[in-house]
Amino acid sequence: MSTLLLVTAAGLGLLAFFEPCTIATHTLFAARSSHDVARQRRAALAQLVLSRSALLAGLFGAAAAIGLDGLSAPQAALMLGIIGAVYLVTRRVYLPVPHLEFFRL
């Protein structure tokens, strides 16, 4: 089971290595918000920072609450699978083909 956990973690790591989502998100955010007035840009930036901070705080808080002692390999694999599925669905829905989107800027 630990082999499955390592393979799952490696697969998600490869997704993170090859995915340009963060760069694409920030580039699209900058390009689209540059047309707004300064007040709207500040509000949009605050919303982006707060949402990403809340997500990281939630993930780190959950990791700290669960801890390594109370987590078995199947549970860890299930959690990684859920995170991977959410990742794949959100990339498909919200930013399907980032390099094509850049041409429309």
PDB file of N, CA and C in Angstrom:
ATOM      1  N   MET A   1       0.815  -1.188   0.000  1.00  0.00           N
ATOM      2  CA  MET A   1       0.000   0.000   0.000  1.00  0.00           C
ATOM      3  C   MET A   1       0.862   1.256   0.000  1.00  0.00           C
ATOM      4  N   SER A   2       2.026   1.194   0.650  1.00  0.00           N
ATOM      5  CA  SER A   2       2.893   2.372   0.652  1.00  0.00           C
ATOM      6  C   SER A   2       3.427   2.658  -0.750  1.00  0.00           C
ATOM      7  N   THR A   3       3.544   1.621  -1.583  1.00  0.00           N
ATOM      8  CA  THR A   3       3.956   1.839  -2.969  1.00  0.00           C
ATOM      9  C   THR A   3       2.894   2.639  -3.711  1.00  0.00           C
ATOM     10  N   LEU A   4       1.634   2.300  -3.501  1.00  0.00           N
ATOM     11  CA  LEU A   4       0.541   3.044  -4.123  1.00  0.00           C
ATOM     12  C   LEU A   4       0.542   4.496  -3.659  1.00  0.00           C
ATOM     13  N   LEU A   5       0.804   4.704  -2.385  1.00  0.00           N
ATOM     14  CA  LEU A   5       0.865   6.056  -1.847  1.00  0.00           C
ATOM     15  C   LEU A   5       1.989   6.848  -2.504  1.00  0.00           C
ATOM     16  N   LEU A   6       3.151   6.229  -2.645  1.00  0.00           N
ATOM     17  CA  LEU A   6       4.275   6.910  -3.281  1.00  0.00           C
ATOM     18  C   LEU A   6       4.007   7.194  -4.752  1.00  0.00           C
ATOM     19  N   VAL A   7       3.382   6.255  -5.446  1.00  0.00           N
ATOM     20  CA  VAL A   7       3.056   6.466  -6.860  1.00  0.00           C
ATOM     21  C   VAL A   7       2.032   7.594  -7.004  1.00  0.00           C
ATOM     22  N   THR A   8       1.045   7.620  -6.132  1.00  0.00           N
ATOM     23  CA  THR A   8       0.041   8.685  -6.166  1.00  0.00           C
ATOM     24  C   THR A   8       0.672  10.040  -5.883  1.00  0.00           C
ATOM     25  N   ALA A   9       1.520  10.098  -4.876  1.00  0.00           N
ATOM     26  CA  ALA A   9       2.204  11.351  -4.556  1.00  0.00           C
ATOM     27  C   ALA A   9       3.107  11.788  -5.706  1.00  0.00           C
ATOM     28  N   ALA A  10       3.796  10.844  -6.318  1.00  0.00           N
ATOM     29  CA  ALA A  10       4.657  11.179  -7.458  1.00  0.00           C
ATOM     30  C   ALA A  10       3.828  11.671  -8.638  1.00  0.00           C
ATOM     31  N   GLY A  11       2.688  11.040  -8.880  1.00  0.00           N
ATOM     32  CA  GLY A  11       1.809  11.487  -9.969  1.00  0.00           C
ATOM     33  C   GLY A  11       1.303  12.899  -9.753  1.00  0.00           C
ATOM     34  N   LEU A  12       0.883  13.197  -8.534  1.00  0.00           N
ATOM     35  CA  LEU A  12       0.439  14.559  -8.237  1.00  0.00           C
ATOM     36  C   LEU A  12       1.598  15.546  -8.313  1.00  0.00           C
ATOM     37  N   GLY A  13       2.774  15.107  -7.918  1.00  0.00           N
ATOM     38  CA  GLY A  13       3.952  15.964  -8.045  1.00  0.00           C
ATOM     39  C   GLY A  13       4.278  16.278  -9.489  1.00  0.00           C
ATOM     40  N   LEU A  14       4.131  15.271 -10.353  1.00  0.00           N
ATOM     41  CA  LEU A  14       4.357  15.518 -11.779  1.00  0.00           C
ATOM     42  C   LEU A  14       3.324  16.484 -12.341  1.00  0.00           C
ATOM     43  N   LEU A  15       2.086  16.361 -11.899  1.00  0.00           N
ATOM     44  CA  LEU A  15       1.069  17.325 -12.325  1.00  0.00           C
ATOM     45  C   LEU A  15       1.459  18.741 -11.908  1.00  0.00           C
ATOM     46  N   ALA A  16       1.925  18.885 -10.689  1.00  0.00           N
ATOM     47  CA  ALA A  16       2.320  20.205 -10.205  1.00  0.00           C
ATOM     48  C   ALA A  16       3.531  20.729 -10.963  1.00  0.00           C
ATOM     49  N   PHE A  17       4.426  19.836 -11.366  1.00  0.00           N
ATOM     50  CA  PHE A  17       5.614  20.263 -12.095  1.00  0.00           C
ATOM     51  C   PHE A  17       5.256  20.747 -13.489  1.00  0.00           C
ATOM     52  N   PHE A  18       4.365  20.071 -14.158  1.00  0.00           N
ATOM     53  CA  PHE A  18       4.059  20.403 -15.539  1.00  0.00           C
ATOM     54  C   PHE A  18       2.914  21.400 -15.701  1.00  0.00           C
ATOM     55  N   GLU A  19       2.151  21.628 -14.675  1.00  0.00           N
ATOM     56  CA  GLU A  19       0.988  22.490 -14.853  1.00  0.00           C
ATOM     57  C   GLU A  19       1.387  23.957 -14.776  1.00  0.00           C
ATOM     58  N   PRO A  20       0.968  24.718 -15.756  1.00  0.00           N
ATOM     59  CA  PRO A  20       1.270  26.155 -15.754  1.00  0.00           C
ATOM     60  C   PRO A  20       0.162  26.990 -15.132  1.00  0.00           C
ATOM     61  N   CYS A  21      -0.645  26.375 -14.312  1.00  0.00           N
ATOM     62  CA  CYS A  21      -1.855  27.038 -13.828  1.00  0.00           C
ATOM     63  C   CYS A  21      -1.555  28.291 -13.018  1.00  0.00           C
ATOM     64  N   THR A  22      -0.605  28.237 -12.122  1.00  0.00           N
ATOM     65  CA  THR A  22      -0.333  29.402 -11.292  1.00  0.00           C
ATOM     66  C   THR A  22       0.167  30.556 -12.137  1.00  0.00           C
ATOM     67  N   ILE A  23       1.084  30.276 -13.037  1.00  0.00           N
ATOM     68  CA  ILE A  23       1.587  31.325 -13.922  1.00  0.00           C
ATOM     69  C   ILE A  23       0.463  31.842 -14.806  1.00  0.00           C
ATOM     70  N   ALA A  24      -0.316  30.941 -15.361  1.00  0.00           N
ATOM     71  CA  ALA A  24      -1.423  31.350 -16.231  1.00  0.00           C
ATOM     72  C   ALA A  24      -2.468  32.142 -15.456  1.00  0.00           C
ATOM     73  N   THR A  25      -2.770  31.713 -14.251  1.00  0.00           N
ATOM     74  CA  THR A  25      -3.752  32.428 -13.442  1.00  0.00           C
ATOM     75  C   THR A  25      -3.296  33.846 -13.151  1.00  0.00           C
ATOM     76  N   HIS A  26      -2.047  33.993 -12.739  1.00  0.00           N
ATOM     77  CA  HIS A  26      -1.551  35.331 -12.428  1.00  0.00           C
ATOM     78  C   HIS A  26      -1.439  36.201 -13.677  1.00  0.00           C
ATOM     79  N   THR A  27      -1.037  35.617 -14.795  1.00  0.00           N
ATOM     80  CA  THR A  27      -0.939  36.385 -16.036  1.00  0.00           C
ATOM     81  C   THR A  27      -2.314  36.834 -16.507  1.00  0.00           C
ATOM     82  N   LEU A  28      -3.279  35.919 -16.495  1.00  0.00           N
ATOM     83  CA  LEU A  28      -4.635  36.292 -16.890  1.00  0.00           C
ATOM     84  C   LEU A  28      -5.235  37.312 -15.930  1.00  0.00           C
ATOM     85  N   PHE A  29      -4.969  37.145 -14.652  1.00  0.00           N
ATOM     86  CA  PHE A  29      -5.462  38.104 -13.665  1.00  0.00           C
ATOM     87  C   PHE A  29      -4.889  39.489 -13.938  1.00  0.00           C
ATOM     88  N   ALA A  30      -3.581  39.567 -14.174  1.00  0.00           N
ATOM     89  CA  ALA A  30      -2.947  40.859 -14.432  1.00  0.00           C
ATOM     90  C   ALA A  30      -3.454  41.487 -15.727  1.00  0.00           C
ATOM     91  N   ALA A  31      -3.599  40.673 -16.763  1.00  0.00           N
ATOM     92  CA  ALA A  31      -4.055  41.205 -18.048  1.00  0.00           C
ATOM     93  C   ALA A  31      -5.502  41.685 -17.976  1.00  0.00           C
ATOM     94  N   ARG A  32      -6.339  40.933 -17.318  1.00  0.00           N
ATOM     95  CA  ARG A  32      -7.755  41.317 -17.251  1.00  0.00           C
ATOM     96  C   ARG A  32      -8.000  42.457 -16.273  1.00  0.00           C
ATOM     97  N   SER A  33      -7.265  42.498 -15.196  1.00  0.00           N
ATOM     98  CA  SER A  33      -7.504  43.562 -14.224  1.00  0.00           C
ATOM     99  C   SER A  33      -6.825  44.864 -14.621  1.00  0.00           C
ATOM    100  N   SER A  34      -5.906  44.834 -15.571  1.00  0.00           N
ATOM    101  CA  SER A  34      -5.240  46.068 -15.987  1.00  0.00           C
ATOM    102  C   SER A  34      -6.207  47.032 -16.667  1.00  0.00           C
ATOM    103  N   HIS A  35      -7.324  46.538 -17.138  1.00  0.00           N
ATOM    104  CA  HIS A  35      -8.323  47.392 -17.783  1.00  0.00           C
ATOM    105  C   HIS A  35      -9.282  48.020 -16.774  1.00  0.00           C
ATOM    106  N   ASP A  36      -9.243  47.576 -15.540  1.00  0.00           N
ATOM    107  CA  ASP A  36     -10.142  48.092 -14.509  1.00  0.00           C
ATOM    108  C   ASP A  36      -9.546  49.336 -13.861  1.00  0.00           C
ATOM    109  N   VAL A  37     -10.379  50.044 -13.139  1.00  0.00           N
ATOM    110  CA  VAL A  37      -9.885  51.194 -12.382  1.00  0.00           C
ATOM    111  C   VAL A  37      -9.091  50.680 -11.182  1.00  0.00           C
ATOM    112  N   ALA A  38      -8.304  51.565 -10.592  1.00  0.00           N
ATOM    113  CA  ALA A  38      -7.388  51.164  -9.520  1.00  0.00           C
ATOM    114  C   ALA A  38      -8.127  50.541  -8.339  1.00  0.00           C
ATOM    115  N   ARG A  39      -9.274  51.071  -7.992  1.00  0.00           N
ATOM    116  CA  ARG A  39     -10.013  50.536  -6.841  1.00  0.00           C
ATOM    117  C   ARG A  39     -10.454  49.097  -7.095  1.00  0.00           C
ATOM    118  N   GLN A  40     -10.930  48.806  -8.299  1.00  0.00           N
ATOM    119  CA  GLN A  40     -11.348  47.444  -8.637  1.00  0.00           C
ATOM    120  C   GLN A  40     -10.148  46.502  -8.678  1.00  0.00           C
ATOM    121  N   ARG A  41      -9.008  46.998  -9.142  1.00  0.00           N
ATOM    122  CA  ARG A  41      -7.799  46.151  -9.160  1.00  0.00           C
ATOM    123  C   ARG A  41      -7.374  45.784  -7.752  1.00  0.00           C
ATOM    124  N   ARG A  42      -7.405  46.757  -6.856  1.00  0.00           N
ATOM    125  CA  ARG A  42      -7.028  46.468  -5.462  1.00  0.00           C
ATOM    126  C   ARG A  42      -7.995  45.476  -4.825  1.00  0.00           C
ATOM    127  N   ALA A  43      -9.274  45.649  -5.089  1.00  0.00           N
ATOM    128  CA  ALA A  43     -10.268  44.723  -4.527  1.00  0.00           C
ATOM    129  C   ALA A  43     -10.085  43.317  -5.090  1.00  0.00           C
ATOM    130  N   ALA A  44      -9.822  43.218  -6.394  1.00  0.00           N
ATOM    131  CA  ALA A  44      -9.612  41.904  -7.012  1.00  0.00           C
ATOM    132  C   ALA A  44      -8.338  41.252  -6.483  1.00  0.00           C
ATOM    133  N   LEU A  45      -7.290  42.050  -6.296  1.00  0.00           N
ATOM    134  CA  LEU A  45      -6.040  41.511  -5.751  1.00  0.00           C
ATOM    135  C   LEU A  45      -6.237  41.032  -4.318  1.00  0.00           C
ATOM    136  N   ALA A  46      -6.961  41.805  -3.528  1.00  0.00           N
ATOM    137  CA  ALA A  46      -7.235  41.387  -2.147  1.00  0.00           C
ATOM    138  C   ALA A  46      -8.036  40.094  -2.126  1.00  0.00           C
ATOM    139  N   GLN A  47      -9.002  39.974  -3.020  1.00  0.00           N
ATOM    140  CA  GLN A  47      -9.803  38.748  -3.091  1.00  0.00           C
ATOM    141  C   GLN A  47      -8.936  37.559  -3.481  1.00  0.00           C
ATOM    142  N   LEU A  48      -8.041  37.739  -4.444  1.00  0.00           N
ATOM    143  CA  LEU A  48      -7.145  36.662  -4.858  1.00  0.00           C
ATOM    144  C   LEU A  48      -6.228  36.236  -3.714  1.00  0.00           C
ATOM    145  N   VAL A  49      -5.627  37.209  -3.052  1.00  0.00           N
ATOM    146  CA  VAL A  49      -4.707  36.899  -1.948  1.00  0.00           C
ATOM    147  C   VAL A  49      -5.451  36.225  -0.796  1.00  0.00           C
ATOM    148  N   LEU A  50      -6.614  36.746  -0.439  1.00  0.00           N
ATOM    149  CA  LEU A  50      -7.369  36.160   0.672  1.00  0.00           C
ATOM    150  C   LEU A  50      -7.856  34.748   0.360  1.00  0.00           C
ATOM    151  N   SER A  51      -8.310  34.518  -0.864  1.00  0.00           N
ATOM    152  CA  SER A  51      -8.801  33.177  -1.199  1.00  0.00           C
ATOM    153  C   SER A  51      -7.664  32.163  -1.214  1.00  0.00           C
ATOM    154  N   ARG A  52      -6.517  32.540  -1.755  1.00  0.00           N
ATOM    155  CA  ARG A  52      -5.377  31.610  -1.751  1.00  0.00           C
ATOM    156  C   ARG A  52      -4.846  31.391  -0.344  1.00  0.00           C
ATOM    157  N   SER A  53      -4.821  32.438   0.459  1.00  0.00           N
ATOM    158  CA  SER A  53      -4.367  32.297   1.846  1.00  0.00           C
ATOM    159  C   SER A  53      -5.311  31.410   2.650  1.00  0.00           C
ATOM    160  N   ALA A  54      -6.609  31.583   2.441  1.00  0.00           N
ATOM    161  CA  ALA A  54      -7.588  30.754   3.154  1.00  0.00           C
ATOM    162  C   ALA A  54      -7.459  29.291   2.748  1.00  0.00           C
ATOM    163  N   LEU A  55      -7.246  29.046   1.475  1.00  0.00           N
ATOM    164  CA  LEU A  55      -7.073  27.669   1.013  1.00  0.00           C
ATOM    165  C   LEU A  55      -5.832  27.039   1.640  1.00  0.00           C
ATOM    166  N   LEU A  56      -4.713  27.751   1.614  1.00  0.00           N
ATOM    167  CA  LEU A  56      -3.493  27.206   2.217  1.00  0.00           C
ATOM    168  C   LEU A  56      -3.644  27.019   3.721  1.00  0.00           C
ATOM    169  N   ALA A  57      -4.259  27.974   4.388  1.00  0.00           N
ATOM    170  CA  ALA A  57      -4.468  27.838   5.834  1.00  0.00           C
ATOM    171  C   ALA A  57      -5.344  26.635   6.139  1.00  0.00           C
ATOM    172  N   GLY A  58      -6.370  26.424   5.331  1.00  0.00           N
ATOM    173  CA  GLY A  58      -7.230  25.256   5.528  1.00  0.00           C
ATOM    174  C   GLY A  58      -6.493  23.950   5.308  1.00  0.00           C
ATOM    175  N   LEU A  59      -5.698  23.896   4.245  1.00  0.00           N
ATOM    176  CA  LEU A  59      -4.933  22.675   3.971  1.00  0.00           C
ATOM    177  C   LEU A  59      -3.902  22.398   5.061  1.00  0.00           C
ATOM    178  N   PHE A  60      -3.170  23.441   5.463  1.00  0.00           N
ATOM    179  CA  PHE A  60      -2.164  23.245   6.504  1.00  0.00           C
ATOM    180  C   PHE A  60      -2.812  22.927   7.847  1.00  0.00           C
ATOM    181  N   GLY A  61      -3.934  23.567   8.136  1.00  0.00           N
ATOM    182  CA  GLY A  61      -4.650  23.269   9.376  1.00  0.00           C
ATOM    183  C   GLY A  61      -5.155  21.840   9.410  1.00  0.00           C
ATOM    184  N   ALA A  62      -5.690  21.373   8.282  1.00  0.00           N
ATOM    185  CA  ALA A  62      -6.158  19.984   8.208  1.00  0.00           C
ATOM    186  C   ALA A  62      -4.994  19.015   8.357  1.00  0.00           C
ATOM    187  N   ALA A  63      -3.872  19.329   7.725  1.00  0.00           N
ATOM    188  CA  ALA A  63      -2.699  18.458   7.836  1.00  0.00           C
ATOM    189  C   ALA A  63      -2.190  18.408   9.272  1.00  0.00           C
ATOM    190  N   ALA A  64      -2.184  19.550   9.942  1.00  0.00           N
ATOM    191  CA  ALA A  64      -1.725  19.575  11.331  1.00  0.00           C
ATOM    192  C   ALA A  64      -2.700  18.850  12.250  1.00  0.00           C
ATOM    193  N   ALA A  65      -3.996  18.973  11.980  1.00  0.00           N
ATOM    194  CA  ALA A  65      -4.994  18.315  12.827  1.00  0.00           C
ATOM    195  C   ALA A  65      -4.960  16.802  12.660  1.00  0.00           C
ATOM    196  N   ILE A  66      -4.762  16.348  11.437  1.00  0.00           N
ATOM    197  CA  ILE A  66      -4.737  14.903  11.176  1.00  0.00           C
ATOM    198  C   ILE A  66      -3.451  14.293  11.703  1.00  0.00           C
ATOM    199  N   GLY A  67      -2.337  14.906  11.390  1.00  0.00           N
ATOM    200  CA  GLY A  67      -1.047  14.390  11.831  1.00  0.00           C
ATOM    201  C   GLY A  67      -0.669  13.105  11.124  1.00  0.00           C
ATOM    202  N   LEU A  68       0.560  12.700  11.272  1.00  0.00           N
ATOM    203  CA  LEU A  68       1.041  11.488  10.614  1.00  0.00           C
ATOM    204  C   LEU A  68       0.716  10.225  11.397  1.00  0.00           C
ATOM    205  N   ASP A  69       0.569  10.342  12.695  1.00  0.00           N
ATOM    206  CA  ASP A  69       0.339   9.152  13.511  1.00  0.00           C
ATOM    207  C   ASP A  69      -1.039   8.537  13.275  1.00  0.00           C
ATOM    208  N   GLY A  70      -2.034   9.370  13.068  1.00  0.00           N
ATOM    209  CA  GLY A  70      -3.386   8.857  12.908  1.00  0.00           C
ATOM    210  C   GLY A  70      -3.782   8.613  11.467  1.00  0.00           C
ATOM    211  N   LEU A  71      -2.829   8.599  10.559  1.00  0.00           N
ATOM    212  CA  LEU A  71      -3.131   8.482   9.134  1.00  0.00           C
ATOM    213  C   LEU A  71      -2.520   7.204   8.572  1.00  0.00           C
ATOM    214  N   SER A  72      -3.368   6.337   8.067  1.00  0.00           N
ATOM    215  CA  SER A  72      -2.861   5.108   7.450  1.00  0.00           C
ATOM    216  C   SER A  72      -2.571   5.368   5.976  1.00  0.00           C
ATOM    217  N   ALA A  73      -1.863   4.444   5.358  1.00  0.00           N
ATOM    218  CA  ALA A  73      -1.520   4.583   3.938  1.00  0.00           C
ATOM    219  C   ALA A  73      -2.761   4.636   3.045  1.00  0.00           C
ATOM    220  N   PRO A  74      -3.790   3.796   3.260  1.00  0.00           N
ATOM    221  CA  PRO A  74      -4.988   3.916   2.417  1.00  0.00           C
ATOM    222  C   PRO A  74      -5.706   5.260   2.579  1.00  0.00           C
ATOM    223  N   GLN A  75      -5.737   5.775   3.793  1.00  0.00           N
ATOM    224  CA  GLN A  75      -6.360   7.078   4.005  1.00  0.00           C
ATOM    225  C   GLN A  75      -5.576   8.176   3.286  1.00  0.00           C
ATOM    226  N   ALA A  76      -4.259   8.101   3.369  1.00  0.00           N
ATOM    227  CA  ALA A  76      -3.425   9.091   2.684  1.00  0.00           C
ATOM    228  C   ALA A  76      -3.604   8.998   1.177  1.00  0.00           C
ATOM    229  N   ALA A  77      -3.675   7.784   0.653  1.00  0.00           N
ATOM    230  CA  ALA A  77      -3.886   7.605  -0.787  1.00  0.00           C
ATOM    231  C   ALA A  77      -5.252   8.142  -1.201  1.00  0.00           C
ATOM    232  N   LEU A  78      -6.260   7.918  -0.375  1.00  0.00           N
ATOM    233  CA  LEU A  78      -7.592   8.441  -0.670  1.00  0.00           C
ATOM    234  C   LEU A  78      -7.589   9.967  -0.673  1.00  0.00           C
ATOM    235  N   MET A  79      -6.932  10.556   0.305  1.00  0.00           N
ATOM    236  CA  MET A  79      -6.852  12.012   0.366  1.00  0.00           C
ATOM    237  C   MET A  79      -6.127  12.576  -0.849  1.00  0.00           C
ATOM    238  N   LEU A  80      -5.020  11.961  -1.228  1.00  0.00           N
ATOM    239  CA  LEU A  80      -4.292  12.418  -2.415  1.00  0.00           C
ATOM    240  C   LEU A  80      -5.129  12.247  -3.674  1.00  0.00           C
ATOM    241  N   GLY A  81      -5.881  11.169  -3.737  1.00  0.00           N
ATOM    242  CA  GLY A  81      -6.761  10.959  -4.885  1.00  0.00           C
ATOM    243  C   GLY A  81      -7.846  12.019  -4.979  1.00  0.00           C
ATOM    244  N   ILE A  82      -8.411  12.389  -3.847  1.00  0.00           N
ATOM    245  CA  ILE A  82      -9.440  13.436  -3.835  1.00  0.00           C
ATOM    246  C   ILE A  82      -8.842  14.773  -4.251  1.00  0.00           C
ATOM    247  N   ILE A  83      -7.677  15.093  -3.711  1.00  0.00           N
ATOM    248  CA  ILE A  83      -7.011  16.339  -4.089  1.00  0.00           C
ATOM    249  C   ILE A  83      -6.698  16.341  -5.581  1.00  0.00           C
ATOM    250  N   GLY A  84      -6.218  15.215  -6.088  1.00  0.00           N
ATOM    251  CA  GLY A  84      -5.916  15.120  -7.518  1.00  0.00           C
ATOM    252  C   GLY A  84      -7.154  15.257  -8.383  1.00  0.00           C
ATOM    253  N   ALA A  85      -8.260  14.654  -7.956  1.00  0.00           N
ATOM    254  CA  ALA A  85      -9.505  14.755  -8.728  1.00  0.00           C
ATOM    255  C   ALA A  85     -10.029  16.188  -8.740  1.00  0.00           C
ATOM    256  N   VAL A  86      -9.987  16.844  -7.595  1.00  0.00           N
ATOM    257  CA  VAL A  86     -10.408  18.250  -7.538  1.00  0.00           C
ATOM    258  C   VAL A  86      -9.514  19.097  -8.428  1.00  0.00           C
ATOM    259  N   TYR A  87      -8.220  18.830  -8.376  1.00  0.00           N
ATOM    260  CA  TYR A  87      -7.266  19.558  -9.215  1.00  0.00           C
ATOM    261  C   TYR A  87      -7.598  19.391 -10.695  1.00  0.00           C
ATOM    262  N   LEU A  88      -7.794  18.166 -11.133  1.00  0.00           N
ATOM    263  CA  LEU A  88      -8.073  17.915 -12.548  1.00  0.00           C
ATOM    264  C   LEU A  88      -9.393  18.541 -12.993  1.00  0.00           C
ATOM    265  N   VAL A  89     -10.410  18.444 -12.168  1.00  0.00           N
ATOM    266  CA  VAL A  89     -11.711  19.017 -12.529  1.00  0.00           C
ATOM    267  C   VAL A  89     -11.629  20.538 -12.606  1.00  0.00           C
ATOM    268  N   THR A  90     -10.994  21.167 -11.633  1.00  0.00           N
ATOM    269  CA  THR A  90     -10.923  22.626 -11.652  1.00  0.00           C
ATOM    270  C   THR A  90     -10.072  23.137 -12.802  1.00  0.00           C
ATOM    271  N   ARG A  91      -9.032  22.430 -13.157  1.00  0.00           N
ATOM    272  CA  ARG A  91      -8.214  22.860 -14.303  1.00  0.00           C
ATOM    273  C   ARG A  91      -9.004  22.728 -15.596  1.00  0.00           C
ATOM    274  N   ARG A  92      -9.796  21.724 -15.698  1.00  0.00           N
ATOM    275  CA  ARG A  92     -10.598  21.505 -16.908  1.00  0.00           C
ATOM    276  C   ARG A  92     -11.720  22.537 -17.016  1.00  0.00           C
ATOM    277  N   VAL A  93     -12.328  22.884 -15.887  1.00  0.00           N
ATOM    278  CA  VAL A  93     -13.476  23.787 -15.906  1.00  0.00           C
ATOM    279  C   VAL A  93     -13.043  25.248 -15.985  1.00  0.00           C
ATOM    280  N   TYR A  94     -12.096  25.651 -15.145  1.00  0.00           N
ATOM    281  CA  TYR A  94     -11.783  27.069 -15.016  1.00  0.00           C
ATOM    282  C   TYR A  94     -10.674  27.561 -15.927  1.00  0.00           C
ATOM    283  N   LEU A  95      -9.764  26.723 -16.310  1.00  0.00           N
ATOM    284  CA  LEU A  95      -8.664  27.156 -17.167  1.00  0.00           C
ATOM    285  C   LEU A  95      -8.323  26.026 -18.123  1.00  0.00           C
ATOM    286  N   PRO A  96      -9.205  25.745 -19.080  1.00  0.00           N
ATOM    287  CA  PRO A  96      -9.038  24.544 -19.901  1.00  0.00           C
ATOM    288  C   PRO A  96      -7.786  24.545 -20.760  1.00  0.00           C
ATOM    289  N   VAL A  97      -7.517  25.619 -21.465  1.00  0.00           N
ATOM    290  CA  VAL A  97      -6.334  25.668 -22.325  1.00  0.00           C
ATOM    291  C   VAL A  97      -5.692  27.040 -22.146  1.00  0.00           C
ATOM    292  N   PRO A  98      -4.805  27.188 -21.171  1.00  0.00           N
ATOM    293  CA  PRO A  98      -4.283  28.516 -20.855  1.00  0.00           C
ATOM    294  C   PRO A  98      -3.498  29.156 -21.992  1.00  0.00           C
ATOM    295  N   HIS A  99      -2.759  28.374 -22.755  1.00  0.00           N
ATOM    296  CA  HIS A  99      -1.940  29.000 -23.793  1.00  0.00           C
ATOM    297  C   HIS A  99      -2.796  29.574 -24.913  1.00  0.00           C
ATOM    298  N   LEU A 100      -3.992  29.044 -25.146  1.00  0.00           N
ATOM    299  CA  LEU A 100      -4.886  29.629 -26.136  1.00  0.00           C
ATOM    300  C   LEU A 100      -5.529  30.906 -25.605  1.00  0.00           C
ATOM    301  N   GLU A 101      -5.728  30.970 -24.317  1.00  0.00           N
ATOM    302  CA  GLU A 101      -6.335  32.155 -23.710  1.00  0.00           C
ATOM    303  C   GLU A 101      -5.417  33.369 -23.842  1.00  0.00           C
ATOM    304  N   PHE A 102      -4.111  33.160 -23.838  1.00  0.00           N
ATOM    305  CA  PHE A 102      -3.181  34.274 -23.932  1.00  0.00           C
ATOM    306  C   PHE A 102      -3.311  35.005 -25.266  1.00  0.00           C
ATOM    307  N   PHE A 103      -3.713  34.314 -26.315  1.00  0.00           N
ATOM    308  CA  PHE A 103      -3.840  34.953 -27.616  1.00  0.00           C
ATOM    309  C   PHE A 103      -5.003  35.936 -27.653  1.00  0.00           C
ATOM    310  N   ARG A 104      -5.950  35.788 -26.757  1.00  0.00           N
ATOM    311  CA  ARG A 104      -7.107  36.677 -26.736  1.00  0.00           C
ATOM    312  C   ARG A 104      -6.893  37.889 -25.843  1.00  0.00           C
ATOM    313  N   LEU A 105      -5.750  38.016 -25.245  1.00  0.00           N
ATOM    314  CA  LEU A 105      -5.487  39.166 -24.388  1.00  0.00           C
ATOM    315  C   LEU A 105      -5.334  40.343 -25.282  1.00  0.00           C
TER     316      LEU A 105
END
